[in-house]
């Protein structure tokens, strides 16, 4: 890859990002008129829906991050057994759509739920309790993954010095651990808040009469085809995401790199380990119970009338086209993964291994900006920009919107990996007459194979479970499987929605196993 090829790549990537990221959002924002804003904001229900969103998102975010922090502590700072199994268990909720968590709560704790009937206690699930519980289940794994790695990069010599100075474990946690976790905690808090605030899946399933801003937008656009009102609500949904993005960027600038001279040594403490294993066990049961209920419900005739074993619900699901929708999902997820990896890796290569010019800095900034665009907003933006185009109504537009929706995280994976290489590598290669193209394919890609596989897995899993970005763009021909869940849920076909949730989970677990086996094979081949 010579200078001309690099310049061409920068132009191509820049044009793609402008068309796929900047123009749709500008189209959405420009379509909002003062009359529309006045009509929406001045309505009686808008302040109520906004308050519902803020209250549920705030409470769920605080609890979700606290649970994730405890999970990360239990995995990294105790001597409990089966840490790997617990770590995998805590990430299972990420493998099913958000609305499935709401459906699972209805199955267990609804007015006619399994636990409700078993114990005779009705917690009043519908409304705030259901939205908060479902949002925690849906979001805490994300915070857990963001926090758990930080523990691995703490220098134990600081703790040794603190012990010598007479600081207790509690004082060490407050004065050393928490300051080290400050920036990741802020990042996790705003990432989780944005997820919950813009999600309509959980509130749609368990919100009852309590409507949030995201469900309001979903019903206005999907139910009433009121795009102007949807654009106004979408613009409001952008605000907290942009604020979170700016704060996250500022907090990243305040981080300082540290050198680990000694890995953390976990001391023996039976009382601590008993508390940790109890916490992990209880949380593991909470996580796995809805999944088990989905499996049971899929195999009974009609809940709660007839609980005899039957495959009738699976047959019903395939009769309404689950097979075709599954193929759509697999096609979208595979293309999203394959094309997404190529685009994000090339983008990261350009920004991480090129001179810091205005063009590369702009590409880097736009790539990070995708974090601040909620899926529902991006989907509606694509409707407004691409309606009538050659890709509208095809699988291609679903692939494109998914790539942009999930762009930032895989991009950062590749960017951070490529940044670790010696900055003089290109100059050395140039001196030896080695082209950048050869350097890319012979050095960078082989050295970052694990990162590439993780990028693919991230795209694939999220494309399988998303209901937000694709909900406004799908039709009967290209509809992904995940969108069947809200449709069947609204028709009270709860057994079929349970089966679809299990099917999506099964596909994503297979994908994770396959990627793990490939990574293991690559490691063995290197030895």
Protein backbone atom coordinates (compact mmCIF):
# COMPACT_ATOMS: atom_id res chain seq x y z
CA UNK A 1 0.00 0.00 0.00
CA UNK A 2 1.87 3.07 -1.29
CA UNK A 3 1.06 6.71 -0.49
CA UNK A 4 -1.41 6.92 -3.36
CA UNK A 5 -3.25 3.78 -2.21
CA UNK A 6 -3.31 5.08 1.37
CA UNK A 7 -4.71 8.43 0.18
CA UNK A 8 -7.37 6.60 -1.85
CA UNK A 9 -8.26 4.44 1.19
CA UNK A 10 -8.60 7.53 3.38
CA UNK A 11 -10.93 9.16 0.82
CA UNK A 12 -13.06 6.01 0.43
CA UNK A 13 -13.40 5.41 4.19
CA UNK A 14 -14.11 9.11 4.75
CA UNK A 15 -16.87 9.15 2.11
CA UNK A 16 -18.43 5.93 3.51
CA UNK A 17 -18.49 7.35 7.06
CA UNK A 18 -19.94 10.67 5.94
CA UNK A 19 -22.73 8.94 3.97
CA UNK A 20 -23.43 6.28 6.60
CA UNK A 21 -22.98 8.33 9.79
CA UNK A 22 -23.05 12.10 9.30
CA UNK A 23 -25.68 12.54 6.57
CA UNK A 24 -28.40 10.36 8.21
CA UNK A 25 -28.13 12.23 11.52
CA UNK A 26 -28.07 15.61 9.75
CA UNK A 27 -31.16 14.54 7.78
CA UNK A 28 -32.97 13.64 11.01
CA UNK A 29 -32.02 16.85 12.81
CA UNK A 30 -32.77 19.07 9.78
CA UNK A 31 -36.23 17.51 9.42
CA UNK A 32 -37.21 18.70 12.89
CA UNK A 33 -39.20 21.92 12.67
CA UNK A 34 -40.12 24.33 15.44
CA UNK A 35 -43.78 23.40 14.95
CA UNK A 36 -43.01 19.71 15.48
CA UNK A 37 -40.93 20.44 18.58
CA UNK A 38 -43.70 22.60 20.05
CA UNK A 39 -46.29 19.92 19.30
CA UNK A 40 -44.28 17.16 20.98
CA UNK A 41 -42.77 19.05 23.93
CA UNK A 42 -45.98 20.93 24.59
CA UNK A 43 -48.05 17.76 24.77
CA UNK A 44 -49.33 16.57 28.12
CA UNK A 45 -47.61 13.16 27.95
CA UNK A 46 -44.09 14.20 26.86
CA UNK A 47 -42.80 15.44 30.29
CA UNK A 48 -44.23 12.28 31.87
CA UNK A 49 -42.51 10.00 29.36
CA UNK A 50 -39.23 11.90 29.70
CA UNK A 51 -39.42 11.61 33.51
CA UNK A 52 -40.18 7.89 33.25
CA UNK A 53 -37.10 7.41 31.05
CA UNK A 54 -34.81 9.43 33.32
CA UNK A 55 -35.98 7.78 36.56
CA UNK A 56 -35.88 4.17 35.31
CA UNK A 57 -32.58 4.64 33.44
CA UNK A 58 -30.90 6.34 36.42
CA UNK A 59 -31.96 3.72 39.01
CA UNK A 60 -31.25 0.77 36.70
CA UNK A 61 -27.84 2.20 35.72
CA UNK A 62 -26.69 2.70 39.33
CA UNK A 63 -27.78 -0.82 40.33
CA UNK A 64 -26.40 -2.38 37.14
CA UNK A 65 -22.94 -0.82 37.55
CA UNK A 66 -22.85 -1.77 41.26
CA UNK A 67 -23.70 -5.40 40.42
CA UNK A 68 -21.09 -5.40 37.65
CA UNK A 69 -18.48 -3.98 40.03
CA UNK A 70 -19.22 -6.74 42.55
CA UNK A 71 -19.01 -9.36 39.77
CA UNK A 72 -15.65 -8.02 38.61
CA UNK A 73 -14.36 -7.98 42.20
CA UNK A 74 -15.53 -11.58 42.80
CA UNK A 75 -13.86 -12.83 39.63
CA UNK A 76 -10.57 -10.96 40.06
CA UNK A 77 -10.06 -10.42 43.80
CA UNK A 78 -11.12 -13.71 45.40
CA UNK A 79 -10.05 -17.35 45.31
CA UNK A 80 -13.45 -18.83 44.47
CA UNK A 81 -13.68 -21.87 42.20
CA UNK A 82 -15.23 -21.92 38.72
CA UNK A 83 -14.32 -18.29 37.94
CA UNK A 84 -14.34 -18.92 34.19
CA UNK A 85 -17.77 -20.57 34.36
CA UNK A 86 -19.19 -17.64 36.33
CA UNK A 87 -17.62 -15.13 33.93
CA UNK A 88 -19.30 -16.89 30.98
CA UNK A 89 -22.60 -17.14 32.89
CA UNK A 90 -22.60 -13.40 33.61
CA UNK A 91 -22.31 -12.62 29.88
CA UNK A 92 -25.19 -14.88 28.75
CA UNK A 93 -27.79 -12.07 28.96
CA UNK A 94 -25.87 -10.32 26.16
CA UNK A 95 -26.75 -13.16 23.78
CA UNK A 96 -30.51 -12.52 23.61
CA UNK A 97 -32.51 -9.40 22.63
CA UNK A 98 -33.38 -6.90 25.36
CA UNK A 99 -37.10 -7.54 24.94
CA UNK A 100 -36.48 -11.20 25.84
CA UNK A 101 -35.43 -10.13 29.34
CA UNK A 102 -38.75 -8.37 29.73
CA UNK A 103 -40.58 -11.43 28.44
CA UNK A 104 -38.63 -13.63 30.86
CA UNK A 105 -39.70 -11.45 33.78
CA UNK A 106 -43.34 -11.70 32.65
CA UNK A 107 -43.01 -15.51 32.58
CA UNK A 108 -41.56 -15.58 36.09
CA UNK A 109 -42.98 -12.60 37.97
CA UNK A 110 -45.97 -11.42 35.93
CA UNK A 111 -49.54 -11.58 37.21
CA UNK A 112 -49.70 -15.20 36.05
CA UNK A 113 -45.97 -15.95 36.27
CA UNK A 114 -44.35 -19.17 37.41
CA UNK A 115 -42.85 -17.73 40.62
CA UNK A 116 -45.96 -15.61 41.25
CA UNK A 117 -48.18 -18.71 41.16
CA UNK A 118 -45.68 -20.81 43.09
CA UNK A 119 -45.23 -18.39 46.00
CA UNK A 120 -48.55 -16.58 45.75
CA UNK A 121 -46.75 -13.20 45.81
CA UNK A 122 -47.39 -10.56 43.15
CA UNK A 123 -44.65 -7.89 43.08
CA UNK A 124 -46.55 -5.63 40.70
CA UNK A 125 -44.07 -6.19 37.88
CA UNK A 126 -45.57 -3.93 35.23
CA UNK A 127 -44.24 -0.38 35.31
CA UNK A 128 -41.12 0.87 37.07
CA UNK A 129 -40.20 -2.44 38.82
CA UNK A 130 -40.28 -4.43 35.58
CA UNK A 131 -38.44 -1.83 33.49
CA UNK A 132 -35.70 -1.47 36.12
CA UNK A 133 -35.27 -5.24 36.66
CA UNK A 134 -35.27 -6.00 32.94
CA UNK A 135 -32.84 -3.16 32.21
CA UNK A 136 -30.41 -4.43 34.86
CA UNK A 137 -30.46 -7.96 33.41
CA UNK A 138 -29.92 -6.54 29.92
CA UNK A 139 -27.12 -4.10 30.78
CA UNK A 140 -25.01 -5.34 33.70
CA UNK A 141 -22.96 -7.78 31.52
CA UNK A 142 -21.73 -4.82 29.45
CA UNK A 143 -20.55 -2.99 32.58
CA UNK A 144 -19.02 -6.23 33.88
CA UNK A 145 -16.89 -6.66 30.76
CA UNK A 146 -15.82 -3.01 30.91
CA UNK A 147 -14.75 -3.26 34.57
CA UNK A 148 -13.29 -6.75 34.89
CA UNK A 149 -10.24 -6.12 32.70
CA UNK A 150 -9.22 -3.08 34.76
CA UNK A 151 -8.58 -5.27 37.80
CA UNK A 152 -6.00 -7.24 35.77
CA UNK A 153 -3.86 -4.15 35.20
CA UNK A 154 -3.41 -3.05 38.82
CA UNK A 155 0.15 -2.99 40.19
CA UNK A 156 0.43 -5.06 43.38
CA UNK A 157 3.49 -3.14 44.64
CA UNK A 158 1.20 -0.20 45.52
CA UNK A 159 -0.90 -2.50 47.70
CA UNK A 160 2.22 -3.95 49.33
CA UNK A 161 3.39 -0.46 50.21
CA UNK A 162 -0.06 0.35 51.63
CA UNK A 163 0.04 -2.81 53.77
CA UNK A 164 3.47 -1.83 55.13
CA UNK A 165 2.07 1.62 56.00
CA UNK A 166 -0.72 -0.05 57.99
CA UNK A 167 -3.70 0.61 55.70
CA UNK A 168 -6.54 -1.87 56.14
CA UNK A 169 -8.12 -3.70 53.18
CA UNK A 170 -11.09 -1.33 53.30
CA UNK A 171 -8.79 1.71 53.27
CA UNK A 172 -6.81 0.22 50.38
CA UNK A 173 -10.02 -0.29 48.42
CA UNK A 174 -11.11 3.32 49.01
CA UNK A 175 -7.71 4.97 48.43
CA UNK A 176 -6.22 2.75 45.70
CA UNK A 177 -8.78 0.53 43.96
CA UNK A 178 -11.63 3.04 43.58
CA UNK A 179 -9.37 5.81 42.15
CA UNK A 180 -8.00 3.25 39.66
CA UNK A 181 -11.57 2.35 38.70
CA UNK A 182 -12.80 5.95 38.51
CA UNK A 183 -12.49 6.42 34.75
CA UNK A 184 -13.79 2.92 33.80
CA UNK A 185 -16.69 3.41 36.23
CA UNK A 186 -17.61 6.72 34.59
CA UNK A 187 -17.37 5.10 31.15
CA UNK A 188 -19.46 2.11 32.27
CA UNK A 189 -22.06 4.37 33.91
CA UNK A 190 -22.66 6.47 30.80
CA UNK A 191 -22.51 3.49 28.43
CA UNK A 192 -25.13 1.64 30.47
CA UNK A 193 -27.30 4.76 30.94
CA UNK A 194 -27.34 5.37 27.19
CA UNK A 195 -28.23 1.71 26.51
CA UNK A 196 -31.14 1.75 28.96
CA UNK A 197 -32.40 5.25 28.12
CA UNK A 198 -32.67 4.47 24.40
CA UNK A 199 -33.89 0.85 24.66
CA UNK A 200 -37.54 0.17 23.93
CA UNK A 201 -37.45 -3.64 24.18
CA UNK A 202 -37.71 -4.00 27.97
CA UNK A 203 -40.32 -1.21 28.47
CA UNK A 204 -42.36 -2.65 25.60
CA UNK A 205 -42.56 -6.03 27.37
CA UNK A 206 -43.02 -4.98 31.02
CA UNK A 207 -43.77 -1.26 30.97
CA UNK A 208 -47.52 -1.72 31.12
CA UNK A 209 -49.06 1.77 31.26
CA UNK A 210 -45.66 3.31 32.04
CA UNK A 211 -44.33 4.53 28.71
CA UNK A 212 -40.77 5.74 28.18
CA UNK A 213 -39.49 8.10 25.51
CA UNK A 214 -38.08 5.24 23.43
CA UNK A 215 -41.35 3.24 23.44
CA UNK A 216 -43.20 6.48 22.62
CA UNK A 217 -40.99 6.91 19.55
CA UNK A 218 -41.37 3.25 18.56
CA UNK A 219 -45.18 3.39 18.72
CA UNK A 220 -45.38 6.72 16.89
CA UNK A 221 -43.19 5.51 14.01
CA UNK A 222 -44.05 1.79 13.77
CA UNK A 223 -47.67 2.04 14.90
CA UNK A 224 -48.77 5.40 13.48
CA UNK A 225 -46.08 6.05 10.82
CA UNK A 226 -45.65 9.53 12.29
CA UNK A 227 -42.10 10.22 11.14
CA UNK A 228 -42.04 13.93 11.98
CA UNK A 229 -42.95 13.26 15.62
CA UNK A 230 -40.51 10.34 15.67
CA UNK A 231 -37.74 12.65 14.44
CA UNK A 232 -38.36 15.08 17.31
CA UNK A 233 -38.30 12.31 19.91
CA UNK A 234 -35.19 10.86 18.23
CA UNK A 235 -33.44 14.23 18.53
CA UNK A 236 -34.21 14.23 22.27
CA UNK A 237 -32.89 10.67 22.62
CA UNK A 238 -29.63 11.90 21.08
CA UNK A 239 -29.03 14.45 23.85
CA UNK A 240 -28.04 12.16 26.78
CA UNK A 241 -26.01 9.96 24.43
CA UNK A 242 -24.01 12.96 23.17
CA UNK A 243 -23.48 14.23 26.75
CA UNK A 244 -22.27 10.77 27.78
CA UNK A 245 -19.97 10.65 24.75
CA UNK A 246 -18.39 14.05 25.56
CA UNK A 247 -17.87 13.18 29.24
CA UNK A 248 -16.39 9.82 28.27
CA UNK A 249 -13.96 11.52 25.86
CA UNK A 250 -12.89 14.01 28.54
CA UNK A 251 -12.41 11.26 31.13
CA UNK A 252 -10.24 9.31 28.66
CA UNK A 253 -7.92 12.31 28.32
CA UNK A 254 -7.35 12.33 32.07
CA UNK A 255 -6.17 8.72 32.18
CA UNK A 256 -2.52 8.07 32.70
CA UNK A 257 -0.75 4.94 31.60
CA UNK A 258 0.85 2.89 34.35
CA UNK A 259 3.46 0.14 34.30
CA UNK A 260 2.64 -3.10 36.08
CA UNK A 261 5.72 -4.30 37.92
CA UNK A 262 3.95 -7.06 39.85
CA UNK A 263 0.65 -8.83 39.23
CA UNK A 264 -1.97 -8.67 41.96
CA UNK A 265 -1.72 -11.53 44.46
CA UNK A 266 -5.04 -12.63 45.97
CA UNK A 267 -4.51 -13.52 49.62
CA UNK A 268 -6.38 -16.31 51.39
CA UNK A 269 -9.60 -15.20 53.07
CA UNK A 270 -12.33 -17.81 53.62
CA UNK A 271 -14.97 -15.33 54.78
CA UNK A 272 -14.47 -13.14 51.71
CA UNK A 273 -14.57 -16.16 49.40
CA UNK A 274 -17.79 -17.47 50.99
CA UNK A 275 -19.47 -14.09 50.44
CA UNK A 276 -18.20 -13.99 46.84
CA UNK A 277 -19.35 -17.52 45.98
CA UNK A 278 -22.78 -16.82 47.51
CA UNK A 279 -23.11 -13.61 45.49
CA UNK A 280 -22.00 -15.30 42.24
CA UNK A 281 -24.29 -18.29 42.80
CA UNK A 282 -27.35 -16.14 43.51
CA UNK A 283 -26.65 -13.88 40.52
CA UNK A 284 -26.00 -16.92 38.32
CA UNK A 285 -29.39 -18.37 39.30
CA UNK A 286 -31.07 -15.03 38.55
CA UNK A 287 -29.39 -14.90 35.13
CA UNK A 288 -30.09 -18.50 34.11
CA UNK A 289 -33.68 -18.80 35.47
CA UNK A 290 -35.33 -16.80 32.64
CA UNK A 291 -33.40 -18.88 30.09
CA UNK A 292 -34.60 -22.12 31.71
CA UNK A 293 -38.16 -20.75 31.79
CA UNK A 294 -37.89 -20.00 28.04
CA UNK A 295 -36.84 -23.59 27.39
CA UNK A 296 -39.66 -25.04 29.55
CA UNK A 297 -42.26 -22.73 28.03
CA UNK A 298 -41.19 -23.70 24.51
CA UNK A 299 -41.93 -27.35 25.31
CA UNK A 300 -45.37 -27.12 26.98
CA UNK A 301 -48.70 -27.11 25.19
CA UNK A 302 -50.17 -23.87 26.55
CA UNK A 303 -48.99 -21.99 29.62
CA UNK A 304 -50.51 -22.03 32.24
CA UNK A 305 -53.55 -24.04 31.08
CA UNK A 306 -51.84 -27.18 29.79
CA UNK A 307 -48.26 -27.90 30.94
CA UNK A 308 -47.89 -31.27 29.17
CA UNK A 309 -44.80 -31.79 27.00
CA UNK A 310 -45.39 -30.79 23.39
CA UNK A 311 -43.59 -29.49 20.30
CA UNK A 312 -46.68 -27.63 19.11
CA UNK A 313 -45.22 -24.17 19.86
CA UNK A 314 -42.07 -24.93 17.89
CA UNK A 315 -44.25 -26.14 15.00
CA UNK A 316 -46.34 -22.94 15.23
CA UNK A 317 -43.19 -20.84 15.16
CA UNK A 318 -41.94 -22.52 11.99
CA UNK A 319 -45.43 -22.25 10.45
CA UNK A 320 -45.25 -18.45 10.75
CA UNK A 321 -41.85 -18.37 9.03
CA UNK A 322 -39.24 -18.68 11.77
CA UNK A 323 -37.02 -20.69 9.41
CA UNK A 324 -36.97 -17.90 6.81
CA UNK A 325 -36.44 -15.18 9.44
CA UNK A 326 -33.60 -17.20 10.97
CA UNK A 327 -31.91 -17.39 7.54
CA UNK A 328 -32.37 -13.61 7.22
CA UNK A 329 -30.75 -13.10 10.62
CA UNK A 330 -27.84 -15.42 9.81
CA UNK A 331 -27.28 -13.66 6.47
CA UNK A 332 -27.41 -10.20 8.08
CA UNK A 333 -25.18 -11.26 10.98
CA UNK A 334 -22.59 -12.98 8.75
CA UNK A 335 -22.38 -10.09 6.27
CA UNK A 336 -22.32 -7.58 9.14
CA UNK A 337 -19.46 -9.52 10.73
CA UNK A 338 -17.41 -10.03 7.57
CA UNK A 339 -17.89 -6.61 5.98
CA UNK A 340 -17.84 -4.86 9.35
CA UNK A 341 -14.46 -6.38 10.25
CA UNK A 342 -12.94 -5.32 6.91
CA UNK A 343 -14.20 -1.74 7.18
CA UNK A 344 -13.43 -1.22 10.88
CA UNK A 345 -9.98 -2.85 10.65
CA UNK A 346 -9.02 -0.79 7.61
CA UNK A 347 -10.31 2.35 9.32
CA UNK A 348 -8.32 1.55 12.46
CA UNK A 349 -5.22 0.81 10.36
CA UNK A 350 -5.49 4.20 8.66
CA UNK A 351 -5.98 6.14 11.91
CA UNK A 352 -3.52 4.17 14.06
CA UNK A 353 -0.65 3.67 11.59
CA UNK A 354 -0.73 6.91 9.57
CA UNK A 355 0.43 10.44 10.25
CA UNK A 356 -1.97 12.41 12.46
CA UNK A 357 -3.38 14.66 9.76
CA UNK A 358 -6.74 16.43 9.74
CA UNK A 359 -8.25 13.71 7.53
CA UNK A 360 -7.22 10.80 9.79
CA UNK A 361 -8.21 12.69 12.95
CA UNK A 362 -11.63 13.41 11.38
CA UNK A 363 -12.09 9.72 10.52
CA UNK A 364 -11.11 8.75 14.07
CA UNK A 365 -13.58 11.24 15.55
CA UNK A 366 -16.47 10.12 13.29
CA UNK A 367 -15.71 6.49 14.17
CA UNK A 368 -16.00 7.30 17.88
CA UNK A 369 -19.10 9.43 17.27
CA UNK A 370 -21.08 6.31 16.32
CA UNK A 371 -21.07 5.53 20.06
CA UNK A 372 -23.31 8.55 20.62
CA UNK A 373 -26.04 7.55 18.16
CA UNK A 374 -28.75 5.30 19.67
CA UNK A 375 -29.97 2.46 17.47
CA UNK A 376 -33.56 3.71 17.26
CA UNK A 377 -32.32 7.15 16.18
CA UNK A 378 -29.95 5.69 13.59
CA UNK A 379 -32.68 3.45 12.18
CA UNK A 380 -35.12 6.34 11.77
CA UNK A 381 -32.34 8.48 10.24
CA UNK A 382 -31.74 5.77 7.64
CA UNK A 383 -35.44 5.64 6.79
CA UNK A 384 -35.44 9.38 6.12
CA UNK A 385 -32.20 9.42 4.10
CA UNK A 386 -32.32 6.17 2.12
CA UNK A 387 -36.08 5.84 1.48
CA UNK A 388 -36.49 5.18 -2.25
CA UNK A 389 -32.83 4.28 -2.80
CA UNK A 390 -31.64 1.04 -4.39
CA UNK A 391 -30.68 -0.52 -1.03
CA UNK A 392 -33.88 0.44 0.82
CA UNK A 393 -35.97 -2.61 1.71
CA UNK A 394 -33.07 -5.02 1.14
CA UNK A 395 -30.75 -6.95 3.45
CA UNK A 396 -27.97 -4.55 2.38
CA UNK A 397 -29.44 -1.64 4.36
CA UNK A 398 -29.82 -3.85 7.46
CA UNK A 399 -26.16 -4.84 7.16
CA UNK A 400 -25.11 -1.20 6.72
CA UNK A 401 -27.11 0.11 9.68
CA UNK A 402 -25.80 -2.71 11.90
CA UNK A 403 -22.19 -2.02 10.92
CA UNK A 404 -22.56 1.66 11.81
CA UNK A 405 -24.61 0.95 14.96
CA UNK A 406 -21.90 -1.36 16.35
CA UNK A 407 -18.93 0.30 14.63
CA UNK A 408 -17.17 1.96 17.58
CA UNK A 409 -16.32 -1.04 19.78
CA UNK A 410 -14.70 -3.25 17.08
CA UNK A 411 -12.95 -0.16 15.72
CA UNK A 412 -11.45 0.55 19.15
CA UNK A 413 -10.43 -3.11 19.53
CA UNK A 414 -8.43 -2.89 16.29
CA UNK A 415 -7.17 0.65 16.97
CA UNK A 416 -5.83 -0.24 20.42
CA UNK A 417 -4.17 -3.40 19.09
CA UNK A 418 -2.50 -1.59 16.18
CA UNK A 419 -1.32 1.23 18.44
CA UNK A 420 0.77 -1.25 20.45
CA UNK A 421 3.17 -1.86 17.56
CA UNK A 422 6.38 0.17 17.40
CA UNK A 423 5.63 3.54 15.84
CA UNK A 424 8.82 3.34 13.72
CA UNK A 425 7.79 0.08 12.06
CA UNK A 426 6.55 1.80 8.88
CA UNK A 427 9.77 3.81 8.51
CA UNK A 428 11.87 0.66 8.96
CA UNK A 429 9.76 -1.24 6.41
CA UNK A 430 10.02 1.67 3.95
CA UNK A 431 13.81 1.67 4.31
CA UNK A 432 13.88 -2.08 3.55
CA UNK A 433 11.59 -1.61 0.54
CA UNK A 434 8.61 -3.36 2.18
CA UNK A 435 5.26 -1.92 1.10
CA UNK A 436 2.52 -0.95 3.57
CA UNK A 437 0.22 -3.50 1.94
CA UNK A 438 2.71 -6.29 2.65
CA UNK A 439 3.24 -4.97 6.16
CA UNK A 440 -0.53 -5.03 6.74
CA UNK A 441 -1.05 -8.61 5.50
CA UNK A 442 2.24 -10.13 6.70
CA UNK A 443 2.64 -8.42 10.10
CA UNK A 444 -0.41 -6.61 11.46
CA UNK A 445 -3.24 -8.97 10.55
CA UNK A 446 -1.39 -12.20 11.56
CA UNK A 447 -0.33 -10.57 14.84
CA UNK A 448 -3.86 -9.42 15.67
CA UNK A 449 -5.83 -12.52 14.60
CA UNK A 450 -7.47 -12.88 18.00
CA UNK A 451 -8.63 -9.27 17.89
CA UNK A 452 -10.07 -9.80 14.39
CA UNK A 453 -12.00 -12.85 15.62
CA UNK A 454 -13.35 -10.91 18.60
CA UNK A 455 -14.40 -8.08 16.26
CA UNK A 456 -16.30 -10.54 14.06
CA UNK A 457 -17.97 -12.14 17.09
CA UNK A 458 -19.03 -8.73 18.42
CA UNK A 459 -20.64 -7.77 15.11
CA UNK A 460 -22.28 -11.19 14.65
CA UNK A 461 -23.84 -11.46 18.13
CA UNK A 462 -25.14 -7.91 18.19
CA UNK A 463 -26.58 -8.22 14.69
CA UNK A 464 -28.42 -11.37 15.82
CA UNK A 465 -30.01 -9.76 18.89
CA UNK A 466 -30.64 -6.13 17.88
CA UNK A 467 -34.20 -4.88 17.53
CA UNK A 468 -33.52 -1.13 17.65
CA UNK A 469 -31.64 -0.03 14.52
CA UNK A 470 -33.37 -2.51 12.18
CA UNK A 471 -36.94 -2.13 13.46
CA UNK A 472 -37.78 0.80 11.14
CA UNK A 473 -35.99 -0.68 8.11
CA UNK A 474 -37.12 -4.31 7.98
CA UNK A 475 -40.01 -5.64 5.88
CA UNK A 476 -41.58 -9.07 5.43
CA UNK A 477 -38.84 -10.17 3.00
CA UNK A 478 -35.73 -9.16 4.96
CA UNK A 479 -37.01 -9.20 8.56
CA UNK A 480 -34.53 -10.62 11.11
CA UNK A 481 -35.66 -13.22 13.64
CA UNK A 482 -35.28 -10.87 16.64
CA UNK A 483 -38.07 -8.60 15.34
CA UNK A 484 -40.55 -11.47 15.58
CA UNK A 485 -40.34 -11.27 19.39
CA UNK A 486 -42.15 -7.90 19.83
CA UNK A 487 -44.67 -8.90 17.14
CA UNK A 488 -45.55 -12.23 18.72
CA UNK A 489 -45.44 -10.74 22.22
CA UNK A 490 -48.11 -8.20 21.22
CA UNK A 491 -50.26 -11.16 20.05
CA UNK A 492 -49.77 -12.96 23.40
CA UNK A 493 -47.92 -15.82 21.66
CA UNK A 494 -45.55 -15.99 24.60
CA UNK A 495 -44.55 -19.63 24.06
CA UNK A 496 -43.32 -18.88 20.54
CA UNK A 497 -41.39 -15.80 21.71
CA UNK A 498 -39.69 -17.99 24.33
CA UNK A 499 -38.65 -20.47 21.62
CA UNK A 500 -37.26 -17.67 19.42
CA UNK A 501 -35.24 -16.31 22.36
CA UNK A 502 -33.75 -19.77 22.94
CA UNK A 503 -33.04 -20.14 19.21
CA UNK A 504 -31.14 -16.81 19.10
CA UNK A 505 -29.24 -17.77 22.28
CA UNK A 506 -28.35 -21.15 20.74
CA UNK A 507 -26.98 -19.55 17.55
CA UNK A 508 -24.90 -17.02 19.50
CA UNK A 509 -23.51 -19.68 21.85
CA UNK A 510 -22.46 -21.74 18.81
CA UNK A 511 -20.78 -18.65 17.34
CA UNK A 512 -18.86 -18.08 20.59
CA UNK A 513 -17.79 -21.74 20.76
CA UNK A 514 -16.64 -21.75 17.11
CA UNK A 515 -14.59 -18.56 17.61
CA UNK A 516 -13.08 -19.99 20.81
CA UNK A 517 -12.11 -23.20 18.99
CA UNK A 518 -10.54 -21.23 16.13
CA UNK A 519 -8.56 -19.12 18.61
CA UNK A 520 -7.43 -22.26 20.43
CA UNK A 521 -6.37 -23.86 17.13
CA UNK A 522 -4.39 -20.75 16.17
CA UNK A 523 -2.58 -20.77 19.52
CA UNK A 524 -1.71 -24.45 19.18
CA UNK A 525 -0.46 -23.85 15.63
CA UNK A 526 1.88 -21.14 16.88
CA UNK A 527 3.45 -23.39 19.54
